[in-house]
C-alpha atoms as a PDB file:
ATOM      1  CA  MET A   1      -6.426   6.076 -53.116  1.00  0.00           C
ATOM      2  CA  LYS A   2      -9.471   3.899 -52.857  1.00  0.00           C
ATOM      3  CA  ILE A   3     -11.228   3.446 -49.541  1.00  0.00           C
ATOM      4  CA  THR A   4     -13.412   0.398 -49.234  1.00  0.00           C
ATOM      5  CA  GLU A   5     -16.932   0.023 -47.949  1.00  0.00           C
ATOM      6  CA  LYS A   6     -15.541  -2.296 -45.263  1.00  0.00           C
ATOM      7  CA  GLU A   7     -13.195   0.454 -44.030  1.00  0.00           C
ATOM      8  CA  VAL A   8     -16.030   3.002 -43.945  1.00  0.00           C
ATOM      9  CA  ARG A   9     -18.218   0.623 -41.960  1.00  0.00           C
ATOM     10  CA  TYR A  10     -15.309  -0.045 -39.575  1.00  0.00           C
ATOM     11  CA  VAL A  11     -14.728   3.681 -38.953  1.00  0.00           C
ATOM     12  CA  ALA A  12     -18.479   4.264 -38.567  1.00  0.00           C
ATOM     13  CA  ASP A  13     -18.578   1.473 -35.990  1.00  0.00           C
ATOM     14  CA  LEU A  14     -15.679   3.051 -34.080  1.00  0.00           C
ATOM     15  CA  ALA A  15     -17.588   6.351 -34.077  1.00  0.00           C
ATOM     16  CA  ASN A  16     -20.750   4.532 -33.003  1.00  0.00           C
ATOM     17  CA  LEU A  17     -22.583   5.654 -36.150  1.00  0.00           C
ATOM     18  CA  ALA A  18     -25.370   3.627 -37.698  1.00  0.00           C
ATOM     19  CA  LEU A  19     -25.127   4.243 -41.449  1.00  0.00           C
ATOM     20  CA  ASN A  20     -27.503   2.791 -44.008  1.00  0.00           C
ATOM     21  CA  ASP A  21     -26.260   1.489 -47.368  1.00  0.00           C
ATOM     22  CA  SER A  22     -26.782   4.781 -49.217  1.00  0.00           C
ATOM     23  CA  GLU A  23     -24.949   6.716 -46.495  1.00  0.00           C
ATOM     24  CA  VAL A  24     -22.056   4.245 -46.623  1.00  0.00           C
ATOM     25  CA  ALA A  25     -21.848   4.651 -50.405  1.00  0.00           C
ATOM     26  CA  ALA A  26     -21.831   8.455 -50.036  1.00  0.00           C
ATOM     27  CA  MET A  27     -19.131   8.256 -47.362  1.00  0.00           C
ATOM     28  CA  VAL A  28     -16.989   5.988 -49.555  1.00  0.00           C
ATOM     29  CA  ARG A  29     -17.238   8.552 -52.352  1.00  0.00           C
ATOM     30  CA  ASP A  30     -16.601  11.562 -50.090  1.00  0.00           C
ATOM     31  CA  MET A  31     -13.723   9.988 -48.153  1.00  0.00           C
ATOM     32  CA  ASP A  32     -12.110   8.813 -51.381  1.00  0.00           C
ATOM     33  CA  GLU A  33     -12.232  12.381 -52.737  1.00  0.00           C
ATOM     34  CA  ILE A  34     -10.686  13.703 -49.518  1.00  0.00           C
ATOM     35  CA  LEU A  35      -7.892  11.128 -49.573  1.00  0.00           C
ATOM     36  CA  THR A  36      -7.220  11.827 -53.255  1.00  0.00           C
ATOM     37  CA  HIS A  37      -6.890  15.532 -52.451  1.00  0.00           C
ATOM     38  CA  ILE A  38      -4.507  14.746 -49.567  1.00  0.00           C
ATOM     39  CA  GLU A  39      -2.381  12.652 -51.952  1.00  0.00           C
ATOM     40  CA  LYS A  40      -2.133  15.664 -54.277  1.00  0.00           C
ATOM     41  CA  LEU A  41      -1.071  17.871 -51.347  1.00  0.00           C
ATOM     42  CA  ASN A  42       1.526  15.321 -50.252  1.00  0.00           C
ATOM     43  CA  ALA A  43       2.989  15.347 -53.773  1.00  0.00           C
ATOM     44  CA  LEU A  44       3.824  19.071 -53.518  1.00  0.00           C
ATOM     45  CA  ASP A  45       7.418  20.015 -52.820  1.00  0.00           C
ATOM     46  CA  THR A  46       7.378  21.972 -49.556  1.00  0.00           C
ATOM     47  CA  SER A  47      11.097  21.641 -48.807  1.00  0.00           C
ATOM     48  CA  ASN A  48      11.666  25.397 -49.335  1.00  0.00           C
ATOM     49  CA  VAL A  49       8.618  26.513 -47.339  1.00  0.00           C
ATOM     50  CA  GLU A  50       9.506  27.945 -43.954  1.00  0.00           C
ATOM     51  CA  PRO A  51       7.295  26.687 -41.109  1.00  0.00           C
ATOM     52  CA  MET A  52       4.943  29.218 -39.563  1.00  0.00           C
ATOM     53  CA  ALA A  53       4.739  29.682 -35.831  1.00  0.00           C
ATOM     54  CA  GLN A  54       1.186  31.058 -35.986  1.00  0.00           C
ATOM     55  CA  VAL A  55      -1.447  32.348 -38.381  1.00  0.00           C
ATOM     56  CA  LEU A  56      -0.567  36.009 -37.749  1.00  0.00           C
ATOM     57  CA  TYR A  57       3.098  35.401 -38.606  1.00  0.00           C
ATOM     58  CA  ASP A  58       3.621  38.565 -40.719  1.00  0.00           C
ATOM     59  CA  ALA A  59       1.086  40.742 -38.879  1.00  0.00           C
ATOM     60  CA  PRO A  60       1.893  43.279 -36.188  1.00  0.00           C
ATOM     61  CA  PRO A  61       1.741  41.864 -32.643  1.00  0.00           C
ATOM     62  CA  ASP A  62      -1.563  43.618 -31.858  1.00  0.00           C
ATOM     63  CA  ALA A  63      -3.269  42.796 -35.193  1.00  0.00           C
ATOM     64  CA  THR A  64      -6.472  41.117 -34.040  1.00  0.00           C
ATOM     65  CA  LEU A  65      -5.516  40.098 -30.552  1.00  0.00           C
ATOM     66  CA  ARG A  66      -7.127  41.611 -27.515  1.00  0.00           C
ATOM     67  CA  GLU A  67      -5.123  42.698 -24.524  1.00  0.00           C
ATOM     68  CA  ASP A  68      -4.762  40.070 -21.813  1.00  0.00           C
ATOM     69  CA  ARG A  69      -6.560  41.191 -18.678  1.00  0.00           C
ATOM     70  CA  GLU A  70      -6.729  39.462 -15.347  1.00  0.00           C
ATOM     71  CA  HIS A  71     -10.232  38.887 -14.018  1.00  0.00           C
ATOM     72  CA  GLN A  72     -11.995  36.766 -11.456  1.00  0.00           C
ATOM     73  CA  PRO A  73     -13.095  33.362 -12.721  1.00  0.00           C
ATOM     74  CA  LEU A  74     -16.696  32.221 -12.298  1.00  0.00           C
ATOM     75  CA  SER A  75     -17.508  30.790  -8.934  1.00  0.00           C
ATOM     76  CA  ASN A  76     -18.966  27.286  -8.844  1.00  0.00           C
ATOM     77  CA  PRO A  77     -22.514  28.544  -8.117  1.00  0.00           C
ATOM     78  CA  GLU A  78     -22.249  31.089 -10.968  1.00  0.00           C
ATOM     79  CA  ALA A  79     -21.034  28.427 -13.382  1.00  0.00           C
ATOM     80  CA  LEU A  80     -23.911  26.109 -12.445  1.00  0.00           C
ATOM     81  CA  ALA A  81     -26.583  28.826 -12.310  1.00  0.00           C
ATOM     82  CA  ASN A  82     -28.188  27.938 -15.667  1.00  0.00           C
ATOM     83  CA  ALA A  83     -27.510  24.201 -15.622  1.00  0.00           C
ATOM     84  CA  PRO A  84     -30.697  22.189 -16.181  1.00  0.00           C
ATOM     85  CA  LEU A  85     -29.379  19.424 -13.887  1.00  0.00           C
ATOM     86  CA  LYS A  86     -26.725  19.727 -11.216  1.00  0.00           C
ATOM     87  CA  ALA A  87     -25.638  17.856  -8.110  1.00  0.00           C
ATOM     88  CA  GLY A  88     -22.672  18.000  -5.777  1.00  0.00           C
ATOM     89  CA  GLY A  89     -21.205  21.046  -7.486  1.00  0.00           C
ATOM     90  CA  TYR A  90     -21.132  19.404 -10.929  1.00  0.00           C
ATOM     91  CA  TYR A  91     -23.221  19.340 -14.102  1.00  0.00           C
ATOM     92  CA  LYS A  92     -25.363  16.247 -14.425  1.00  0.00           C
ATOM     93  CA  VAL A  93     -25.708  14.870 -17.942  1.00  0.00           C
ATOM     94  CA  PRO A  94     -27.535  11.832 -19.260  1.00  0.00           C
ATOM     95  CA  LYS A  95     -25.528   8.749 -20.097  1.00  0.00           C
ATOM     96  CA  VAL A  96     -24.830   8.700 -23.828  1.00  0.00           C
ATOM     97  CA  ILE A  97     -22.551   5.670 -24.278  1.00  0.00           C
ATOM     98  CA  GLU A  98     -24.572   2.714 -25.466  1.00  0.00           C
ATOM     99  CA  ARG A  99     -23.729  -0.535 -27.197  1.00  0.00           C
END
């Protein structure tokens, strides 16, 4: 599957990324390799593969999972204790959406 430079620029624009020409060329190459790999995966016959409910499907129930324990959640002042900016019980962050 070939991805075009126009498509890469379109996706970069949606992600609000400013890519120069060499970065666009690299992304075209990288994304094309990814899509080619996905095509190969899609060509595999998985009709006899049983779906897995979770990663630890064949492991014992306590394999790497910790015991669930009830505990008190952080209070609002505790949660905001190390915040560089806060107001009205919330974190304050700078505006990052620009166009």
